[in-house]
Each structure stands twice: as structure tokens, then as C-alpha cells.
Amino acid sequence: MQNLNQQETLRLPVEQLIAAAHVAAKYLPAASSALMTELAVRLDVTKTVLREVIAERDQLNTEHKALKQRCGEAL
């Protein structure tokens, strides 16, 4: 595993950080490894849910703009 300092870790894309956490977990004691793996999994799930919510927000915003435009035309 490549040694990463704190500054390099802060610049990693989330996907790479999750992968690095899974790799690092292999080199940790059992309890720490389990914790690191759980944190990586939760970060991955959070990232996925956030992307879904943002996509839903964008869709609703588009629908809202269309409805506003139609209401404005009706007046």
C-alpha cells in the first residue's frame, strides 16, 4: 500500500479514500480493522444516497420550473 500523508489523503476522491480504507483495514488489528471497514462501507453508502438525493432534487427543480412557467403563461 502506498504511504499517504494527511494532505494527500484529504485530496483523494471519495472512491479512492474508500478503497484505501479497505486496504488499510487489512493491516490493522481485528477491532480496528472492523471499525475501518464499517466506516468505509458507511461512507460509500452515504455517498451513493447523497448522489441519489441530488439527482432527485435536480429533477424536482426542473419540474418546478416547468410548472412555474406554465402557471405564468396561464395568467
Protein backbone atom coordinates (compact mmCIF):
# COMPACT_ATOMS: atom_id res chain seq x y z
CA MET A 1 0.00 0.00 0.00
CA GLN A 2 1.27 3.44 -0.90
CA ASN A 3 2.06 5.60 2.12
CA LEU A 4 -0.15 8.68 2.11
CA ASN A 5 0.37 11.70 4.32
CA GLN A 6 -2.56 13.64 5.74
CA GLN A 7 -2.55 16.30 2.99
CA GLU A 8 -2.56 13.66 0.24
CA THR A 9 -5.40 11.80 1.95
CA LEU A 10 -7.50 14.98 2.09
CA ARG A 11 -7.21 15.36 -1.68
CA LEU A 12 -8.27 11.82 -2.56
CA PRO A 13 -11.58 11.41 -4.36
CA VAL A 14 -14.10 9.65 -2.13
CA GLU A 15 -13.91 6.44 -4.16
CA GLN A 16 -10.14 6.25 -3.69
CA LEU A 17 -10.44 7.06 0.01
CA ILE A 18 -12.93 4.22 0.46
CA ALA A 19 -10.64 1.82 -1.41
CA ALA A 20 -7.64 2.95 0.63
CA ALA A 21 -9.59 2.40 3.86
CA HIS A 22 -10.42 -1.17 2.82
CA VAL A 23 -6.75 -1.82 2.04
CA ALA A 24 -5.59 -0.20 5.29
CA ALA A 25 -8.06 -2.31 7.25
CA LYS A 26 -6.12 -5.44 6.24
CA TYR A 27 -3.07 -4.17 8.15
CA LEU A 28 -4.85 -3.18 11.35
CA PRO A 29 -5.65 -5.24 14.45
CA ALA A 30 -9.00 -7.03 14.25
CA ALA A 31 -11.11 -4.49 16.17
CA SER A 32 -9.61 -1.52 14.32
CA SER A 33 -9.92 -3.36 11.02
CA ALA A 34 -13.62 -4.00 11.60
CA LEU A 35 -14.14 -0.36 12.50
CA MET A 36 -12.23 0.90 9.45
CA THR A 37 -14.19 -1.41 7.16
CA GLU A 38 -17.52 -0.31 8.67
CA LEU A 39 -16.58 3.35 8.26
CA ALA A 40 -15.61 2.76 4.63
CA VAL A 41 -18.89 0.96 3.92
CA ARG A 42 -20.94 3.69 5.57
CA LEU A 43 -19.07 6.41 3.66
CA ASP A 44 -19.75 4.54 0.42
CA VAL A 45 -23.46 4.21 1.22
CA THR A 46 -23.68 7.87 2.26
CA LYS A 47 -22.00 8.94 -0.98
CA THR A 48 -24.46 6.87 -3.02
CA VAL A 49 -27.52 8.18 -1.17
CA LEU A 50 -26.28 11.76 -1.47
CA ARG A 51 -25.89 11.40 -5.23
CA GLU A 52 -29.42 9.96 -5.49
CA VAL A 53 -30.88 12.80 -3.41
CA ILE A 54 -29.08 15.41 -5.51
CA ALA A 55 -30.41 13.82 -8.70
CA GLU A 56 -33.93 13.80 -7.24
CA ARG A 57 -33.58 17.45 -6.16
CA ASP A 58 -32.45 18.42 -9.64
CA GLN A 59 -35.39 16.59 -11.20
CA LEU A 60 -37.84 18.26 -8.84
CA ASN A 61 -36.28 21.64 -9.56
CA THR A 62 -36.73 21.07 -13.29
CA GLU A 63 -40.37 20.08 -12.75
CA HIS A 64 -40.92 23.10 -10.50
CA LYS A 65 -39.53 25.48 -13.13
CA ALA A 66 -41.78 23.93 -15.79
CA LEU A 67 -44.84 24.28 -13.56
CA LYS A 68 -43.97 27.89 -12.74
CA GLN A 69 -43.63 28.63 -16.43
CA ARG A 70 -47.00 27.01 -17.22
CA CYS A 71 -48.72 28.88 -14.38
CA GLY A 72 -47.19 32.13 -15.57
CA GLU A 73 -48.43 31.51 -19.11
CA ALA A 74 -51.93 30.79 -17.82
CA LEU A 75 -52.18 34.20 -16.18
